[in-house]
PDB file of all heavy atoms in Angstrom:
ATOM      1  N   ILE A   1    -136.134 -28.067 -64.476  1.00  0.00           N
ATOM      2  CA  ILE A   1    -134.897 -28.067 -65.266  1.00  0.00           C
ATOM      3  C   ILE A   1    -134.197 -29.418 -65.132  1.00  0.00           C
ATOM      4  O   ILE A   1    -133.733 -30.003 -66.121  1.00  0.00           O
ATOM      5  CB  ILE A   1    -133.972 -26.927 -64.807  1.00  0.00           C
ATOM      6  CG1 ILE A   1    -134.615 -25.567 -65.131  1.00  0.00           C
ATOM      7  CG2 ILE A   1    -132.603 -27.039 -65.468  1.00  0.00           C
ATOM      8  CD1 ILE A   1    -133.847 -24.383 -64.568  1.00  0.00           C
ATOM      9  N   ALA A   2    -134.145 -29.933 -63.898  1.00  0.00           N
ATOM     10  CA  ALA A   2    -133.518 -31.237 -63.677  1.00  0.00           C
ATOM     11  C   ALA A   2    -134.301 -32.341 -64.395  1.00  0.00           C
ATOM     12  O   ALA A   2    -133.709 -33.235 -65.014  1.00  0.00           O
ATOM     13  CB  ALA A   2    -133.434 -31.527 -62.180  1.00  0.00           C
ATOM     14  N   GLY A   3    -135.633 -32.264 -64.316  1.00  0.00           N
ATOM     15  CA  GLY A   3    -136.449 -33.265 -65.004  1.00  0.00           C
ATOM     16  C   GLY A   3    -136.284 -33.199 -66.508  1.00  0.00           C
ATOM     17  O   GLY A   3    -136.220 -34.227 -67.184  1.00  0.00           O
ATOM     18  N   GLY A   4    -136.206 -31.973 -67.044  1.00  0.00           N
ATOM     19  CA  GLY A   4    -135.990 -31.819 -68.480  1.00  0.00           C
ATOM     20  C   GLY A   4    -134.663 -32.400 -68.915  1.00  0.00           C
ATOM     21  O   GLY A   4    -134.564 -33.035 -69.976  1.00  0.00           O
ATOM     22  N   ALA A   5    -133.632 -32.194 -68.088  1.00  0.00           N
ATOM     23  CA  ALA A   5    -132.320 -32.775 -68.401  1.00  0.00           C
ATOM     24  C   ALA A   5    -132.406 -34.299 -68.409  1.00  0.00           C
ATOM     25  O   ALA A   5    -131.785 -34.967 -69.265  1.00  0.00           O
ATOM     26  CB  ALA A   5    -131.284 -32.304 -67.386  1.00  0.00           C
ATOM     27  N   GLY A   6    -133.180 -34.858 -67.481  1.00  0.00           N
ATOM     28  CA  GLY A   6    -133.350 -36.307 -67.447  1.00  0.00           C
ATOM     29  C   GLY A   6    -134.055 -36.844 -68.684  1.00  0.00           C
ATOM     30  O   GLY A   6    -133.661 -37.866 -69.248  1.00  0.00           O
ATOM     31  N   VAL A   7    -135.108 -36.135 -69.108  1.00  0.00           N
ATOM     32  CA  VAL A   7    -135.834 -36.551 -70.314  1.00  0.00           C
ATOM     33  C   VAL A   7    -134.933 -36.480 -71.543  1.00  0.00           C
ATOM     34  O   VAL A   7    -134.915 -37.384 -72.382  1.00  0.00           O
ATOM     35  CB  VAL A   7    -137.099 -35.686 -70.504  1.00  0.00           C
ATOM     36  CG1 VAL A   7    -137.716 -35.920 -71.874  1.00  0.00           C
ATOM     37  CG2 VAL A   7    -138.114 -35.991 -69.417  1.00  0.00           C
ATOM     38  N   LEU A   8    -134.148 -35.390 -71.657  1.00  0.00           N
ATOM     39  CA  LEU A   8    -133.227 -35.260 -72.787  1.00  0.00           C
ATOM     40  C   LEU A   8    -132.184 -36.367 -72.764  1.00  0.00           C
ATOM     41  O   LEU A   8    -131.854 -36.956 -73.805  1.00  0.00           O
ATOM     42  CB  LEU A   8    -132.535 -33.892 -72.744  1.00  0.00           C
ATOM     43  CG  LEU A   8    -133.357 -32.682 -73.179  1.00  0.00           C
ATOM     44  CD1 LEU A   8    -132.538 -31.412 -72.988  1.00  0.00           C
ATOM     45  CD2 LEU A   8    -133.782 -32.816 -74.636  1.00  0.00           C
ATOM     46  N   ALA A   9    -131.646 -36.664 -71.575  1.00  0.00           N
ATOM     47  CA  ALA A   9    -130.631 -37.715 -71.464  1.00  0.00           C
ATOM     48  C   ALA A   9    -131.201 -39.072 -71.854  1.00  0.00           C
ATOM     49  O   ALA A   9    -130.553 -39.854 -72.568  1.00  0.00           O
ATOM     50  CB  ALA A   9    -130.085 -37.755 -70.034  1.00  0.00           C
ATOM     51  N   ALA A  10    -132.426 -39.360 -71.400  1.00  0.00           N
ATOM     52  CA  ALA A  10    -133.038 -40.636 -71.729  1.00  0.00           C
ATOM     53  C   ALA A  10    -133.311 -40.751 -73.221  1.00  0.00           C
ATOM     54  O   ALA A  10    -133.124 -41.811 -73.827  1.00  0.00           O
ATOM     55  CB  ALA A  10    -134.343 -40.811 -70.939  1.00  0.00           C
ATOM     56  N   THR A  11    -133.757 -39.647 -73.845  1.00  0.00           N
ATOM     57  CA  THR A  11    -134.023 -39.660 -75.286  1.00  0.00           C
ATOM     58  C   THR A  11    -132.732 -39.876 -76.066  1.00  0.00           C
ATOM     59  O   THR A  11    -132.691 -40.662 -77.025  1.00  0.00           O
ATOM     60  CB  THR A  11    -134.683 -38.344 -75.716  1.00  0.00           C
ATOM     61  OG1 THR A  11    -135.910 -38.174 -75.003  1.00  0.00           O
ATOM     62  CG2 THR A  11    -134.982 -38.354 -77.214  1.00  0.00           C
ATOM     63  N   ALA A  12    -131.668 -39.172 -75.659  1.00  0.00           N
ATOM     64  CA  ALA A  12    -130.389 -39.347 -76.336  1.00  0.00           C
ATOM     65  C   ALA A  12    -129.882 -40.774 -76.183  1.00  0.00           C
ATOM     66  O   ALA A  12    -129.402 -41.393 -77.141  1.00  0.00           O
ATOM     67  CB  ALA A  12    -129.368 -38.360 -75.784  1.00  0.00           C
ATOM     68  N   TRP A  13    -129.980 -41.331 -74.968  1.00  0.00           N
ATOM     69  CA  TRP A  13    -129.538 -42.701 -74.728  1.00  0.00           C
ATOM     70  C   TRP A  13    -130.361 -43.695 -75.538  1.00  0.00           C
ATOM     71  O   TRP A  13    -129.822 -44.624 -76.141  1.00  0.00           O
ATOM     72  CB  TRP A  13    -129.639 -43.020 -73.240  1.00  0.00           C
ATOM     73  CG  TRP A  13    -129.404 -44.484 -72.937  1.00  0.00           C
ATOM     74  CD1 TRP A  13    -130.324 -45.429 -72.613  1.00  0.00           C
ATOM     75  CD2 TRP A  13    -128.142 -45.166 -72.977  1.00  0.00           C
ATOM     76  NE1 TRP A  13    -129.736 -46.647 -72.445  1.00  0.00           N
ATOM     77  CE2 TRP A  13    -128.390 -46.521 -72.654  1.00  0.00           C
ATOM     78  CE3 TRP A  13    -126.836 -44.753 -73.249  1.00  0.00           C
ATOM     79  CZ2 TRP A  13    -127.375 -47.463 -72.598  1.00  0.00           C
ATOM     80  CZ3 TRP A  13    -125.817 -45.701 -73.188  1.00  0.00           C
ATOM     81  CH2 TRP A  13    -126.090 -47.036 -72.865  1.00  0.00           C
ATOM     82  N   ARG A  14    -131.684 -43.512 -75.547  1.00  0.00           N
ATOM     83  CA  ARG A  14    -132.561 -44.421 -76.298  1.00  0.00           C
ATOM     84  C   ARG A  14    -132.235 -44.376 -77.783  1.00  0.00           C
ATOM     85  O   ARG A  14    -132.384 -45.369 -78.500  1.00  0.00           O
ATOM     86  CB  ARG A  14    -134.026 -44.025 -76.072  1.00  0.00           C
ATOM     87  CG  ARG A  14    -135.036 -44.915 -76.773  1.00  0.00           C
ATOM     88  CD  ARG A  14    -136.461 -44.476 -76.454  1.00  0.00           C
ATOM     89  NE  ARG A  14    -137.423 -45.303 -77.150  1.00  0.00           N
ATOM     90  CZ  ARG A  14    -137.877 -45.066 -78.371  1.00  0.00           C
ATOM     91  NH1 ARG A  14    -137.421 -44.008 -79.032  1.00  0.00           N
ATOM     92  NH2 ARG A  14    -138.751 -45.858 -78.944  1.00  0.00           N
ATOM     93  N   THR A  15    -131.792 -43.212 -78.272  1.00  0.00           N
ATOM     94  CA  THR A  15    -131.474 -43.063 -79.685  1.00  0.00           C
ATOM     95  C   THR A  15    -130.130 -43.688 -80.041  1.00  0.00           C
ATOM     96  O   THR A  15    -129.995 -44.375 -81.049  1.00  0.00           O
ATOM     97  CB  THR A  15    -131.447 -41.570 -80.065  1.00  0.00           C
ATOM     98  OG1 THR A  15    -132.728 -41.002 -79.782  1.00  0.00           O
ATOM     99  CG2 THR A  15    -131.142 -41.385 -81.534  1.00  0.00           C
ATOM    100  N   VAL A  16    -129.139 -43.472 -79.183  1.00  0.00           N
ATOM    101  CA  VAL A  16    -127.771 -43.869 -79.515  1.00  0.00           C
ATOM    102  C   VAL A  16    -127.465 -45.312 -79.128  1.00  0.00           C
ATOM    103  O   VAL A  16    -126.739 -46.009 -79.840  1.00  0.00           O
ATOM    104  CB  VAL A  16    -126.766 -42.916 -78.822  1.00  0.00           C
ATOM    105  CG1 VAL A  16    -125.336 -43.403 -78.998  1.00  0.00           C
ATOM    106  CG2 VAL A  16    -126.916 -41.512 -79.387  1.00  0.00           C
ATOM    107  N   ALA A  17    -128.023 -45.784 -78.008  1.00  0.00           N
ATOM    108  CA  ALA A  17    -127.659 -47.095 -77.480  1.00  0.00           C
ATOM    109  C   ALA A  17    -127.845 -48.239 -78.480  1.00  0.00           C
ATOM    110  O   ALA A  17    -126.960 -49.085 -78.613  1.00  0.00           O
ATOM    111  CB  ALA A  17    -128.453 -47.378 -76.197  1.00  0.00           C
ATOM    112  N   PRO A  18    -128.987 -48.322 -79.214  1.00  0.00           N
ATOM    113  CA  PRO A  18    -129.127 -49.426 -80.168  1.00  0.00           C
ATOM    114  C   PRO A  18    -128.058 -49.402 -81.262  1.00  0.00           C
ATOM    115  O   PRO A  18    -127.618 -50.460 -81.731  1.00  0.00           O
ATOM    116  CB  PRO A  18    -130.533 -49.196 -80.770  1.00  0.00           C
ATOM    117  CG  PRO A  18    -131.254 -48.390 -79.748  1.00  0.00           C
ATOM    118  CD  PRO A  18    -130.217 -47.506 -79.140  1.00  0.00           C
ATOM    119  N   VAL A  19    -127.638 -48.209 -81.681  1.00  0.00           N
ATOM    120  CA  VAL A  19    -126.617 -48.113 -82.721  1.00  0.00           C
ATOM    121  C   VAL A  19    -125.267 -48.580 -82.189  1.00  0.00           C
ATOM    122  O   VAL A  19    -124.539 -49.325 -82.843  1.00  0.00           O
ATOM    123  CB  VAL A  19    -126.506 -46.659 -83.232  1.00  0.00           C
ATOM    124  CG1 VAL A  19    -125.416 -46.547 -84.283  1.00  0.00           C
ATOM    125  CG2 VAL A  19    -127.832 -46.206 -83.805  1.00  0.00           C
ATOM    126  N   VAL A  20    -124.952 -48.166 -80.960  1.00  0.00           N
ATOM    127  CA  VAL A  20    -123.691 -48.591 -80.345  1.00  0.00           C
ATOM    128  C   VAL A  20    -123.675 -50.100 -80.168  1.00  0.00           C
ATOM    129  O   VAL A  20    -122.676 -50.775 -80.448  1.00  0.00           O
ATOM    130  CB  VAL A  20    -123.496 -47.887 -78.995  1.00  0.00           C
ATOM    131  CG1 VAL A  20    -122.264 -48.433 -78.277  1.00  0.00           C
ATOM    132  CG2 VAL A  20    -123.364 -46.391 -79.187  1.00  0.00           C
ATOM    133  N   ALA A  21    -124.800 -50.670 -79.718  1.00  0.00           N
ATOM    134  CA  ALA A  21    -124.881 -52.119 -79.506  1.00  0.00           C
ATOM    135  C   ALA A  21    -124.738 -52.886 -80.811  1.00  0.00           C
ATOM    136  O   ALA A  21    -124.124 -53.946 -80.875  1.00  0.00           O
ATOM    137  CB  ALA A  21    -126.207 -52.460 -78.834  1.00  0.00           C
ATOM    138  N   ALA A  22    -125.309 -52.325 -81.898  1.00  0.00           N
ATOM    139  CA  ALA A  22    -125.238 -52.991 -83.197  1.00  0.00           C
ATOM    140  C   ALA A  22    -123.835 -52.948 -83.779  1.00  0.00           C
ATOM    141  O   ALA A  22    -123.393 -53.872 -84.475  1.00  0.00           O
ATOM    142  CB  ALA A  22    -126.223 -52.357 -84.166  1.00  0.00           C
ATOM    143  N   ARG A  23    -123.093 -51.888 -83.478  1.00  0.00           N
ATOM    144  CA  ARG A  23    -121.754 -51.739 -84.045  1.00  0.00           C
ATOM    145  C   ARG A  23    -120.709 -52.542 -83.273  1.00  0.00           C
ATOM    146  O   ARG A  23    -119.674 -52.906 -83.829  1.00  0.00           O
ATOM    147  CB  ARG A  23    -121.348 -50.262 -84.063  1.00  0.00           C
ATOM    148  CG  ARG A  23    -122.105 -49.455 -85.106  1.00  0.00           C
ATOM    149  CD  ARG A  23    -121.681 -47.995 -85.073  1.00  0.00           C
ATOM    150  NE  ARG A  23    -122.372 -47.230 -86.112  1.00  0.00           N
ATOM    151  CZ  ARG A  23    -122.269 -45.915 -86.241  1.00  0.00           C
ATOM    152  NH1 ARG A  23    -121.503 -45.222 -85.395  1.00  0.00           N
ATOM    153  NH2 ARG A  23    -122.912 -45.274 -87.213  1.00  0.00           N
ATOM    154  N   ALA A  24    -120.958 -52.813 -82.003  1.00  0.00           N
ATOM    155  CA  ALA A  24    -119.977 -53.517 -81.180  1.00  0.00           C
ATOM    156  C   ALA A  24    -119.613 -54.891 -81.718  1.00  0.00           C
ATOM    157  O   ALA A  24    -118.429 -55.220 -81.852  1.00  0.00           O
ATOM    158  CB  ALA A  24    -120.483 -53.606 -79.742  1.00  0.00           C
ATOM    159  N   PRO A  25    -120.600 -55.744 -82.100  1.00  0.00           N
ATOM    160  CA  PRO A  25    -120.233 -57.053 -82.653  1.00  0.00           C
ATOM    161  C   PRO A  25    -119.452 -56.926 -83.958  1.00  0.00           C
ATOM    162  O   PRO A  25    -118.573 -57.731 -84.250  1.00  0.00           O
ATOM    163  CB  PRO A  25    -121.595 -57.742 -82.879  1.00  0.00           C
ATOM    164  CG  PRO A  25    -122.525 -57.023 -81.974  1.00  0.00           C
ATOM    165  CD  PRO A  25    -122.045 -55.619 -81.934  1.00  0.00           C
ATOM    166  N   ALA A  26    -119.801 -55.906 -84.765  1.00  0.00           N
ATOM    167  CA  ALA A  26    -119.114 -55.725 -86.042  1.00  0.00           C
ATOM    168  C   ALA A  26    -117.633 -55.424 -85.810  1.00  0.00           C
ATOM    169  O   ALA A  26    -116.752 -55.939 -86.500  1.00  0.00           O
ATOM    170  CB  ALA A  26    -119.763 -54.611 -86.838  1.00  0.00           C
ATOM    171  N   ARG A  27    -117.332 -54.598 -84.808  1.00  0.00           N
ATOM    172  CA  ARG A  27    -115.929 -54.280 -84.508  1.00  0.00           C
ATOM    173  C   ARG A  27    -115.210 -55.532 -84.013  1.00  0.00           C
ATOM    174  O   ARG A  27    -114.068 -55.789 -84.364  1.00  0.00           O
ATOM    175  CB  ARG A  27    -115.860 -53.183 -83.433  1.00  0.00           C
ATOM    176  CG  ARG A  27    -116.325 -51.826 -83.905  1.00  0.00           C
ATOM    177  CD  ARG A  27    -115.855 -50.744 -82.934  1.00  0.00           C
ATOM    178  NE  ARG A  27    -116.478 -49.472 -83.242  1.00  0.00           N
ATOM    179  CZ  ARG A  27    -117.531 -48.981 -82.604  1.00  0.00           C
ATOM    180  NH1 ARG A  27    -118.088 -49.677 -81.643  1.00  0.00           N
ATOM    181  NH2 ARG A  27    -118.036 -47.812 -82.934  1.00  0.00           N
ATOM    182  N   GLY A  28    -115.923 -56.345 -83.193  1.00  0.00           N
ATOM    183  CA  GLY A  28    -115.311 -57.545 -82.675  1.00  0.00           C
ATOM    184  C   GLY A  28    -114.968 -58.552 -83.769  1.00  0.00           C
ATOM    185  O   GLY A  28    -113.937 -59.202 -83.743  1.00  0.00           O
ATOM    186  N   SER A  29    -115.840 -58.639 -84.781  1.00  0.00           N
ATOM    187  CA  SER A  29    -115.601 -59.594 -85.864  1.00  0.00           C
ATOM    188  C   SER A  29    -114.416 -59.207 -86.716  1.00  0.00           C
ATOM    189  O   SER A  29    -113.762 -60.057 -87.317  1.00  0.00           O
ATOM    190  CB  SER A  29    -116.867 -59.721 -86.727  1.00  0.00           C
ATOM    191  OG  SER A  29    -117.119 -58.488 -87.388  1.00  0.00           O
ATOM    192  N   ARG A  30    -114.088 -57.900 -86.771  1.00  0.00           N
ATOM    193  CA  ARG A  30    -112.943 -57.467 -87.582  1.00  0.00           C
ATOM    194  C   ARG A  30    -111.636 -57.709 -86.834  1.00  0.00           C
ATOM    195  O   ARG A  30    -110.570 -57.698 -87.422  1.00  0.00           O
ATOM    196  CB  ARG A  30    -113.086 -55.991 -87.929  1.00  0.00           C
ATOM    197  CG  ARG A  30    -114.138 -55.694 -88.967  1.00  0.00           C
ATOM    198  CD  ARG A  30    -113.936 -54.300 -89.549  1.00  0.00           C
ATOM    199  NE  ARG A  30    -114.113 -53.268 -88.522  1.00  0.00           N
ATOM    200  CZ  ARG A  30    -115.255 -52.683 -88.234  1.00  0.00           C
ATOM    201  NH1 ARG A  30    -116.354 -53.054 -88.857  1.00  0.00           N
ATOM    202  NH2 ARG A  30    -115.325 -51.745 -87.309  1.00  0.00           N
ATOM    203  N   GLY A  31    -111.738 -57.873 -85.475  1.00  0.00           N
ATOM    204  CA  GLY A  31    -110.515 -58.082 -84.701  1.00  0.00           C
ATOM    205  C   GLY A  31    -109.974 -59.480 -84.886  1.00  0.00           C
ATOM    206  O   GLY A  31    -108.797 -59.727 -84.665  1.00  0.00           O
TER     207      GLY A  31
END
């Protein structure tokens, strides 16, 4: 169960992190 939670967390992070990183510069440029 703990390992499954880790795999799910890593998959979610791998999915979301590139989008968050791509949006951060865009927000900075509008400031």
